[in-house]
Full PDB file with SEQRES, HELIX, SHEET, SSBOND, CRYST1, ORIGX, SCALE, CONECT and MASTER records, all heavy atoms in Angstrom:
SEQRES   1 A   32  ALA GLU ARG GLU HIS LEU PHE LEU LEU VAL GLN GLY ARG          
SEQRES   2 A   32  ARG VAL ASP ALA PRO ARG GLY PRO ALA ALA ALA VAL VAL          
SEQRES   3 A   32  ASP PRO ARG PHE ARG ARG                                      
HELIX    1 AA1 GLU A    2  GLN A   11  1                                  10    
HELIX    2 AA2 PRO A   28  ARG A   31  1                                   4    
CRYST1    1.000    1.000    1.000  90.00  90.00  90.00 P 1           1          
ORIGX1      1.000000  0.000000  0.000000        0.00000                         
ORIGX2      0.000000  1.000000  0.000000        0.00000                         
ORIGX3      0.000000  0.000000  1.000000        0.00000                         
SCALE1      1.000000  0.000000  0.000000        0.00000                         
SCALE2      0.000000  1.000000  0.000000        0.00000                         
SCALE3      0.000000  0.000000  1.000000        0.00000                         
ATOM      1  N   ALA A   1      -8.025 -11.767  27.806  1.00  0.00           N  
ATOM      2  CA  ALA A   1      -7.345 -10.551  27.334  1.00  0.00           C  
ATOM      3  C   ALA A   1      -7.078 -10.625  25.836  1.00  0.00           C  
ATOM      4  O   ALA A   1      -7.229  -9.630  25.114  1.00  0.00           O  
ATOM      5  CB  ALA A   1      -6.036 -10.353  28.094  1.00  0.00           C  
ATOM      6  N   GLU A   2      -6.707 -11.815  25.350  1.00  0.00           N  
ATOM      7  CA  GLU A   2      -6.425 -11.974  23.925  1.00  0.00           C  
ATOM      8  C   GLU A   2      -7.689 -11.833  23.094  1.00  0.00           C  
ATOM      9  O   GLU A   2      -7.663 -11.291  21.979  1.00  0.00           O  
ATOM     10  CB  GLU A   2      -5.771 -13.336  23.678  1.00  0.00           C  
ATOM     11  CG  GLU A   2      -4.351 -13.425  24.223  1.00  0.00           C  
ATOM     12  CD  GLU A   2      -3.807 -14.838  24.224  1.00  0.00           C  
ATOM     13  OE1 GLU A   2      -4.622 -15.797  24.257  1.00  0.00           O  
ATOM     14  OE2 GLU A   2      -2.573 -14.996  24.205  1.00  0.00           O  
ATOM     15  N   ARG A   3      -8.823 -12.315  23.621  1.00  0.00           N  
ATOM     16  CA  ARG A   3     -10.101 -12.150  22.916  1.00  0.00           C  
ATOM     17  C   ARG A   3     -10.448 -10.668  22.768  1.00  0.00           C  
ATOM     18  O   ARG A   3     -10.870 -10.214  21.706  1.00  0.00           O  
ATOM     19  CB  ARG A   3     -11.222 -12.864  23.684  1.00  0.00           C  
ATOM     20  CG  ARG A   3     -11.235 -14.370  23.526  1.00  0.00           C  
ATOM     21  CD  ARG A   3     -12.245 -15.000  24.469  1.00  0.00           C  
ATOM     22  NE  ARG A   3     -12.274 -16.436  24.293  1.00  0.00           N  
ATOM     23  CZ  ARG A   3     -13.128 -17.080  23.486  1.00  0.00           C  
ATOM     24  NH1 ARG A   3     -14.032 -16.395  22.818  1.00  0.00           N  
ATOM     25  NH2 ARG A   3     -13.092 -18.378  23.358  1.00  0.00           N  
ATOM     26  N   GLU A   4     -10.273  -9.931  23.870  1.00  0.00           N  
ATOM     27  CA  GLU A   4     -10.569  -8.497  23.807  1.00  0.00           C  
ATOM     28  C   GLU A   4      -9.679  -7.822  22.779  1.00  0.00           C  
ATOM     29  O   GLU A   4     -10.138  -6.990  21.989  1.00  0.00           O  
ATOM     30  CB  GLU A   4     -10.365  -7.851  25.176  1.00  0.00           C  
ATOM     31  CG  GLU A   4     -10.649  -6.356  25.166  1.00  0.00           C  
ATOM     32  CD  GLU A   4     -10.407  -5.685  26.499  1.00  0.00           C  
ATOM     33  OE1 GLU A   4      -9.998  -6.377  27.457  1.00  0.00           O  
ATOM     34  OE2 GLU A   4     -10.607  -4.456  26.572  1.00  0.00           O  
ATOM     35  N   HIS A   5      -8.410  -8.208  22.764  1.00  0.00           N  
ATOM     36  CA  HIS A   5      -7.476  -7.611  21.815  1.00  0.00           C  
ATOM     37  C   HIS A   5      -7.882  -7.925  20.380  1.00  0.00           C  
ATOM     38  O   HIS A   5      -7.831  -7.053  19.505  1.00  0.00           O  
ATOM     39  CB  HIS A   5      -6.072  -8.151  22.087  1.00  0.00           C  
ATOM     40  CG  HIS A   5      -5.002  -7.457  21.315  1.00  0.00           C  
ATOM     41  ND1 HIS A   5      -4.737  -6.111  21.436  1.00  0.00           N  
ATOM     42  CD2 HIS A   5      -4.121  -7.916  20.386  1.00  0.00           C  
ATOM     43  CE1 HIS A   5      -3.742  -5.774  20.644  1.00  0.00           C  
ATOM     44  NE2 HIS A   5      -3.360  -6.850  19.987  1.00  0.00           N  
ATOM     45  N   LEU A   6      -8.318  -9.150  20.108  1.00  0.00           N  
ATOM     46  CA  LEU A   6      -8.754  -9.530  18.764  1.00  0.00           C  
ATOM     47  C   LEU A   6      -9.935  -8.681  18.320  1.00  0.00           C  
ATOM     48  O   LEU A   6      -9.944  -8.138  17.204  1.00  0.00           O  
ATOM     49  CB  LEU A   6      -9.139 -11.017  18.748  1.00  0.00           C  
ATOM     50  CG  LEU A   6      -9.766 -11.527  17.449  1.00  0.00           C  
ATOM     51  CD1 LEU A   6      -8.786 -11.417  16.293  1.00  0.00           C  
ATOM     52  CD2 LEU A   6     -10.243 -12.968  17.622  1.00  0.00           C  
ATOM     53  N   PHE A   7     -10.931  -8.537  19.182  1.00  0.00           N  
ATOM     54  CA  PHE A   7     -12.102  -7.745  18.821  1.00  0.00           C  
ATOM     55  C   PHE A   7     -11.742  -6.276  18.593  1.00  0.00           C  
ATOM     56  O   PHE A   7     -12.258  -5.624  17.679  1.00  0.00           O  
ATOM     57  CB  PHE A   7     -13.181  -7.866  19.903  1.00  0.00           C  
ATOM     58  CG  PHE A   7     -14.089  -9.042  19.723  1.00  0.00           C  
ATOM     59  CD1 PHE A   7     -13.676 -10.317  20.069  1.00  0.00           C  
ATOM     60  CD2 PHE A   7     -15.359  -8.878  19.194  1.00  0.00           C  
ATOM     61  CE1 PHE A   7     -14.505 -11.412  19.896  1.00  0.00           C  
ATOM     62  CE2 PHE A   7     -16.203  -9.958  19.018  1.00  0.00           C  
ATOM     63  CZ  PHE A   7     -15.779 -11.240  19.362  1.00  0.00           C  
ATOM     64  N   LEU A   8     -10.835  -5.745  19.416  1.00  0.00           N  
ATOM     65  CA  LEU A   8     -10.445  -4.354  19.262  1.00  0.00           C  
ATOM     66  C   LEU A   8      -9.653  -4.137  17.976  1.00  0.00           C  
ATOM     67  O   LEU A   8      -9.809  -3.112  17.307  1.00  0.00           O  
ATOM     68  CB  LEU A   8      -9.627  -3.903  20.474  1.00  0.00           C  
ATOM     69  CG  LEU A   8     -10.434  -3.756  21.771  1.00  0.00           C  
ATOM     70  CD1 LEU A   8      -9.510  -3.642  22.969  1.00  0.00           C  
ATOM     71  CD2 LEU A   8     -11.351  -2.550  21.690  1.00  0.00           C  
ATOM     72  N   LEU A   9      -8.809  -5.098  17.622  1.00  0.00           N  
ATOM     73  CA  LEU A   9      -8.052  -4.972  16.371  1.00  0.00           C  
ATOM     74  C   LEU A   9      -8.977  -4.968  15.163  1.00  0.00           C  
ATOM     75  O   LEU A   9      -8.758  -4.238  14.197  1.00  0.00           O  
ATOM     76  CB  LEU A   9      -7.054  -6.129  16.245  1.00  0.00           C  
ATOM     77  CG  LEU A   9      -5.766  -6.037  17.066  1.00  0.00           C  
ATOM     78  CD1 LEU A   9      -4.957  -7.314  16.914  1.00  0.00           C  
ATOM     79  CD2 LEU A   9      -4.930  -4.828  16.648  1.00  0.00           C  
ATOM     80  N   VAL A  10     -10.010  -5.784  15.206  1.00  0.00           N  
ATOM     81  CA  VAL A  10     -10.899  -5.919  14.053  1.00  0.00           C  
ATOM     82  C   VAL A  10     -11.933  -4.801  14.013  1.00  0.00           C  
ATOM     83  O   VAL A  10     -12.203  -4.213  12.966  1.00  0.00           O  
ATOM     84  CB  VAL A  10     -11.599  -7.287  14.079  1.00  0.00           C  
ATOM     85  CG1 VAL A  10     -12.654  -7.379  12.979  1.00  0.00           C  
ATOM     86  CG2 VAL A  10     -10.575  -8.405  13.910  1.00  0.00           C  
ATOM     87  N   GLN A  11     -12.523  -4.478  15.173  1.00  0.00           N  
ATOM     88  CA  GLN A  11     -13.633  -3.539  15.197  1.00  0.00           C  
ATOM     89  C   GLN A  11     -13.203  -2.106  15.476  1.00  0.00           C  
ATOM     90  O   GLN A  11     -14.009  -1.189  15.393  1.00  0.00           O  
ATOM     91  CB  GLN A  11     -14.659  -3.986  16.236  1.00  0.00           C  
ATOM     92  CG  GLN A  11     -15.292  -5.331  15.875  1.00  0.00           C  
ATOM     93  CD  GLN A  11     -16.336  -5.763  16.876  1.00  0.00           C  
ATOM     94  OE1 GLN A  11     -16.450  -5.196  17.962  1.00  0.00           O  
ATOM     95  NE2 GLN A  11     -17.112  -6.769  16.519  1.00  0.00           N  
ATOM     96  N   GLY A  12     -11.938  -1.910  15.813  1.00  0.00           N  
ATOM     97  CA  GLY A  12     -11.457  -0.549  16.027  1.00  0.00           C  
ATOM     98  C   GLY A  12     -11.669  -0.066  17.443  1.00  0.00           C  
ATOM     99  O   GLY A  12     -12.009  -0.824  18.341  1.00  0.00           O  
ATOM    100  N   ARG A  13     -11.442   1.237  17.620  1.00  0.00           N  
ATOM    101  CA  ARG A  13     -11.491   1.813  18.955  1.00  0.00           C  
ATOM    102  C   ARG A  13     -12.899   1.826  19.508  1.00  0.00           C  
ATOM    103  O   ARG A  13     -13.875   1.749  18.771  1.00  0.00           O  
ATOM    104  CB  ARG A  13     -10.932   3.231  18.946  1.00  0.00           C  
ATOM    105  CG  ARG A  13     -11.762   4.209  18.138  1.00  0.00           C  
ATOM    106  CD  ARG A  13     -11.246   5.610  18.276  1.00  0.00           C  
ATOM    107  NE  ARG A  13      -9.894   5.735  17.746  1.00  0.00           N  
ATOM    108  CZ  ARG A  13      -9.125   6.804  17.975  1.00  0.00           C  
ATOM    109  NH1 ARG A  13      -9.572   7.781  18.710  1.00  0.00           N  
ATOM    110  NH2 ARG A  13      -7.922   6.877  17.460  1.00  0.00           N  
ATOM    111  N   ARG A  14     -12.977   1.944  20.829  1.00  0.00           N  
ATOM    112  CA  ARG A  14     -14.276   2.044  21.478  1.00  0.00           C  
ATOM    113  C   ARG A  14     -14.898   3.391  21.191  1.00  0.00           C  
ATOM    114  O   ARG A  14     -14.228   4.341  20.814  1.00  0.00           O  
ATOM    115  CB  ARG A  14     -14.118   1.865  22.988  1.00  0.00           C  
ATOM    116  CG  ARG A  14     -13.689   0.459  23.385  1.00  0.00           C  
ATOM    117  CD  ARG A  14     -13.583   0.352  24.882  1.00  0.00           C  
ATOM    118  NE  ARG A  14     -13.311  -1.016  25.283  1.00  0.00           N  
ATOM    119  CZ  ARG A  14     -13.251  -1.410  26.551  1.00  0.00           C  
ATOM    120  NH1 ARG A  14     -13.412  -0.536  27.517  1.00  0.00           N  
ATOM    121  NH2 ARG A  14     -13.006  -2.672  26.848  1.00  0.00           N  
ATOM    122  N   VAL A  15     -16.208   3.455  21.421  1.00  0.00           N  
ATOM    123  CA  VAL A  15     -16.932   4.707  21.161  1.00  0.00           C  
ATOM    124  C   VAL A  15     -16.378   5.838  22.013  1.00  0.00           C  
ATOM    125  O   VAL A  15     -16.312   6.986  21.586  1.00  0.00           O  
ATOM    126  CB  VAL A  15     -18.437   4.507  21.450  1.00  0.00           C  
ATOM    127  CG1 VAL A  15     -19.178   5.821  21.302  1.00  0.00           C  
ATOM    128  CG2 VAL A  15     -19.017   3.465  20.503  1.00  0.00           C  
ATOM    129  N   ASP A  16     -15.971   5.497  23.251  1.00  0.00           N  
ATOM    130  CA  ASP A  16     -15.480   6.542  24.159  1.00  0.00           C  
ATOM    131  C   ASP A  16     -13.980   6.735  24.078  1.00  0.00           C  
ATOM    132  O   ASP A  16     -13.380   7.304  24.968  1.00  0.00           O  
ATOM    133  CB  ASP A  16     -15.872   6.225  25.609  1.00  0.00           C  
ATOM    134  CG  ASP A  16     -15.278   4.894  26.080  1.00  0.00           C  
ATOM    135  OD1 ASP A  16     -14.747   4.159  25.236  1.00  0.00           O  
ATOM    136  OD2 ASP A  16     -15.371   4.608  27.284  1.00  0.00           O  
ATOM    137  N   ALA A  17     -13.349   6.246  22.981  1.00  0.00           N  
ATOM    138  CA  ALA A  17     -11.902   6.409  22.856  1.00  0.00           C  
ATOM    139  C   ALA A  17     -11.533   7.875  22.706  1.00  0.00           C  
ATOM    140  O   ALA A  17     -12.263   8.647  22.105  1.00  0.00           O  
ATOM    141  CB  ALA A  17     -11.393   5.640  21.641  1.00  0.00           C  
ATOM    142  N   PRO A  18     -10.411   8.294  23.252  1.00  0.00           N  
ATOM    143  CA  PRO A  18      -9.994   9.685  23.143  1.00  0.00           C  
ATOM    144  C   PRO A  18      -9.655  10.048  21.714  1.00  0.00           C  
ATOM    145  O   PRO A  18      -9.133   9.248  20.961  1.00  0.00           O  
ATOM    146  CB  PRO A  18      -8.743   9.753  24.036  1.00  0.00           C  
ATOM    147  CG  PRO A  18      -8.224   8.358  24.058  1.00  0.00           C  
ATOM    148  CD  PRO A  18      -9.428   7.470  23.978  1.00  0.00           C  
ATOM    149  N   ARG A  19      -9.938  11.263  21.332  1.00  0.00           N  
ATOM    150  CA  ARG A  19      -9.687  11.721  19.967  1.00  0.00           C  
ATOM    151  C   ARG A  19      -8.343  12.393  19.805  1.00  0.00           C  
ATOM    152  O   ARG A  19      -7.931  12.684  18.697  1.00  0.00           O  
ATOM    153  CB  ARG A  19     -10.795  12.704  19.543  1.00  0.00           C  
ATOM    154  CG  ARG A  19     -12.194  12.104  19.603  1.00  0.00           C  
ATOM    155  CD  ARG A  19     -12.299  10.835  18.799  1.00  0.00           C  
ATOM    156  NE  ARG A  19     -13.632  10.263  18.870  1.00  0.00           N  
ATOM    157  CZ  ARG A  19     -13.952   9.051  18.461  1.00  0.00           C  
ATOM    158  NH1 ARG A  19     -13.019   8.250  17.992  1.00  0.00           N  
ATOM    159  NH2 ARG A  19     -15.185   8.610  18.554  1.00  0.00           N  
ATOM    160  N   GLY A  20      -7.650  12.639  20.881  1.00  0.00           N  
ATOM    161  CA  GLY A  20      -6.366  13.302  20.775  1.00  0.00           C  
ATOM    162  C   GLY A  20      -5.620  13.181  22.076  1.00  0.00           C  
ATOM    163  O   GLY A  20      -6.042  12.483  22.997  1.00  0.00           O  
ATOM    164  N   PRO A  21      -4.481  13.855  22.210  1.00  0.00           N  
ATOM    165  CA  PRO A  21      -3.701  13.768  23.438  1.00  0.00           C  
ATOM    166  C   PRO A  21      -4.424  14.387  24.613  1.00  0.00           C  
ATOM    167  O   PRO A  21      -5.307  15.226  24.453  1.00  0.00           O  
ATOM    168  CB  PRO A  21      -2.421  14.542  23.091  1.00  0.00           C  
ATOM    169  CG  PRO A  21      -2.823  15.468  21.994  1.00  0.00           C  
ATOM    170  CD  PRO A  21      -3.858  14.730  21.204  1.00  0.00           C  
ATOM    171  N   ALA A  22      -4.069  13.951  25.801  1.00  0.00           N  
ATOM    172  CA  ALA A  22      -4.685  14.494  27.009  1.00  0.00           C  
ATOM    173  C   ALA A  22      -4.377  15.979  27.141  1.00  0.00           C  
ATOM    174  O   ALA A  22      -3.386  16.486  26.634  1.00  0.00           O  
ATOM    175  CB  ALA A  22      -4.161  13.749  28.242  1.00  0.00           C  
ATOM    176  N   ALA A  23      -5.266  16.660  27.827  1.00  0.00           N  
ATOM    177  CA  ALA A  23      -5.085  18.092  28.020  1.00  0.00           C  
ATOM    178  C   ALA A  23      -3.785  18.362  28.745  1.00  0.00           C  
ATOM    179  O   ALA A  23      -3.371  17.619  29.633  1.00  0.00           O  
ATOM    180  CB  ALA A  23      -6.256  18.656  28.826  1.00  0.00           C  
ATOM    181  N   ALA A  24      -3.120  19.449  28.352  1.00  0.00           N  
ATOM    182  CA  ALA A  24      -1.826  19.777  28.945  1.00  0.00           C  
ATOM    183  C   ALA A  24      -1.980  20.175  30.404  1.00  0.00           C  
ATOM    184  O   ALA A  24      -1.094  19.942  31.221  1.00  0.00           O  
ATOM    185  CB  ALA A  24      -1.173  20.910  28.156  1.00  0.00           C  
ATOM    186  N   VAL A  25      -3.132  20.757  30.759  1.00  0.00           N  
ATOM    187  CA  VAL A  25      -3.378  21.204  32.119  1.00  0.00           C  
ATOM    188  C   VAL A  25      -4.189  20.134  32.838  1.00  0.00           C  
ATOM    189  O   VAL A  25      -5.287  19.782  32.416  1.00  0.00           O  
ATOM    190  CB  VAL A  25      -4.133  22.545  32.138  1.00  0.00           C  
ATOM    191  CG1 VAL A  25      -4.405  22.974  33.574  1.00  0.00           C  
ATOM    192  CG2 VAL A  25      -3.331  23.611  31.397  1.00  0.00           C  
ATOM    193  N   VAL A  26      -3.648  19.575  33.911  1.00  0.00           N  
ATOM    194  CA  VAL A  26      -4.325  18.533  34.667  1.00  0.00           C  
ATOM    195  C   VAL A  26      -5.327  19.170  35.608  1.00  0.00           C  
ATOM    196  O   VAL A  26      -5.029  20.153  36.295  1.00  0.00           O  
ATOM    197  CB  VAL A  26      -3.304  17.693  35.449  1.00  0.00           C  
ATOM    198  CG1 VAL A  26      -3.998  16.652  36.307  1.00  0.00           C  
ATOM    199  CG2 VAL A  26      -2.330  17.029  34.487  1.00  0.00           C  
ATOM    200  N   ASP A  27      -6.526  18.632  35.640  1.00  0.00           N  
ATOM    201  CA  ASP A  27      -7.589  19.127  36.502  1.00  0.00           C  
ATOM    202  C   ASP A  27      -7.097  19.145  37.953  1.00  0.00           C  
ATOM    203  O   ASP A  27      -6.543  18.156  38.447  1.00  0.00           O  
ATOM    204  CB  ASP A  27      -8.804  18.207  36.375  1.00  0.00           C  
ATOM    205  CG  ASP A  27     -10.047  18.799  37.016  1.00  0.00           C  
ATOM    206  OD1 ASP A  27      -9.969  19.229  38.176  1.00  0.00           O  
ATOM    207  OD2 ASP A  27     -11.105  18.810  36.350  1.00  0.00           O  
ATOM    208  N   PRO A  28      -7.306  20.258  38.674  1.00  0.00           N  
ATOM    209  CA  PRO A  28      -6.843  20.345  40.073  1.00  0.00           C  
ATOM    210  C   PRO A  28      -7.383  19.234  40.964  1.00  0.00           C  
ATOM    211  O   PRO A  28      -6.718  18.827  41.929  1.00  0.00           O  
ATOM    212  CB  PRO A  28      -7.351  21.726  40.520  1.00  0.00           C  
ATOM    213  CG  PRO A  28      -7.455  22.512  39.252  1.00  0.00           C  
ATOM    214  CD  PRO A  28      -7.868  21.529  38.203  1.00  0.00           C  
ATOM    215  N   ARG A  29      -8.578  18.706  40.645  1.00  0.00           N  
ATOM    216  CA  ARG A  29      -9.131  17.644  41.489  1.00  0.00           C  
ATOM    217  C   ARG A  29      -8.282  16.385  41.426  1.00  0.00           C  
ATOM    218  O   ARG A  29      -8.194  15.643  42.398  1.00  0.00           O  
ATOM    219  CB  ARG A  29     -10.580  17.351  41.100  1.00  0.00           C  
ATOM    220  CG  ARG A  29     -10.773  16.795  39.707  1.00  0.00           C  
ATOM    221  CD  ARG A  29     -12.238  16.818  39.288  1.00  0.00           C  
ATOM    222  NE  ARG A  29     -12.396  16.474  37.887  1.00  0.00           N  
ATOM    223  CZ  ARG A  29     -12.879  15.306  37.456  1.00  0.00           C  
ATOM    224  NH1 ARG A  29     -13.251  14.386  38.325  1.00  0.00           N  
ATOM    225  NH2 ARG A  29     -13.017  15.075  36.163  1.00  0.00           N  
ATOM    226  N   PHE A  30      -7.628  16.163  40.272  1.00  0.00           N  
ATOM    227  CA  PHE A  30      -6.764  15.003  40.164  1.00  0.00           C  
ATOM    228  C   PHE A  30      -5.512  15.177  41.020  1.00  0.00           C  
ATOM    229  O   PHE A  30      -5.034  14.234  41.651  1.00  0.00           O  
ATOM    230  CB  PHE A  30      -6.362  14.758  38.704  1.00  0.00           C  
ATOM    231  CG  PHE A  30      -7.526  14.468  37.794  1.00  0.00           C  
ATOM    232  CD1 PHE A  30      -7.494  14.853  36.462  1.00  0.00           C  
ATOM    233  CD2 PHE A  30      -8.655  13.824  38.274  1.00  0.00           C  
ATOM    234  CE1 PHE A  30      -8.564  14.590  35.620  1.00  0.00           C  
ATOM    235  CE2 PHE A  30      -9.728  13.553  37.445  1.00  0.00           C  
ATOM    236  CZ  PHE A  30      -9.690  13.939  36.116  1.00  0.00           C  
ATOM    237  N   ARG A  31      -4.982  16.404  41.034  1.00  0.00           N  
ATOM    238  CA  ARG A  31      -3.804  16.654  41.880  1.00  0.00           C  
ATOM    239  C   ARG A  31      -4.152  16.492  43.353  1.00  0.00           C  
ATOM    240  O   ARG A  31      -3.343  15.977  44.136  1.00  0.00           O  
ATOM    241  CB  ARG A  31      -3.259  18.057  41.597  1.00  0.00           C  
ATOM    242  CG  ARG A  31      -2.738  18.236  40.175  1.00  0.00           C  
ATOM    243  CD  ARG A  31      -1.960  19.521  40.013  1.00  0.00           C  
ATOM    244  NE  ARG A  31      -1.534  19.707  38.637  1.00  0.00           N  
ATOM    245  CZ  ARG A  31      -0.450  19.151  38.100  1.00  0.00           C  
ATOM    246  NH1 ARG A  31       0.309  18.359  38.842  1.00  0.00           N  
ATOM    247  NH2 ARG A  31      -0.132  19.376  36.843  1.00  0.00           N  
ATOM    248  N   ARG A  32      -5.341  16.926  43.742  1.00  0.00           N  
ATOM    249  CA  ARG A  32      -5.755  16.744  45.138  1.00  0.00           C  
ATOM    250  C   ARG A  32      -5.870  15.263  45.472  1.00  0.00           C  
ATOM    251  O   ARG A  32      -5.526  14.829  46.583  1.00  0.00           O  
ATOM    252  CB  ARG A  32      -7.097  17.449  45.387  1.00  0.00           C  
ATOM    253  CG  ARG A  32      -6.993  18.976  45.458  1.00  0.00           C  
ATOM    254  CD  ARG A  32      -8.243  19.585  46.091  1.00  0.00           C  
ATOM    255  NE  ARG A  32      -9.441  19.340  45.274  1.00  0.00           N  
ATOM    256  CZ  ARG A  32      -9.850  20.147  44.300  1.00  0.00           C  
ATOM    257  NH1 ARG A  32      -9.170  21.244  44.015  1.00  0.00           N  
ATOM    258  NH2 ARG A  32     -10.932  19.868  43.613  1.00  0.00           N  
TER     259      ARG A  32                                                      
MASTER        0    0    0    2    0    0    0    6  258    1    0    3          
END                                                                             
């Protein structure tokens, strides 16, 4: 876990990292 944290601190966020806050409306499939 510490190795992963070191790489993330140095290399930054992953390519698929979110660009902003989650959508205010939750997809109905998640509620189901």
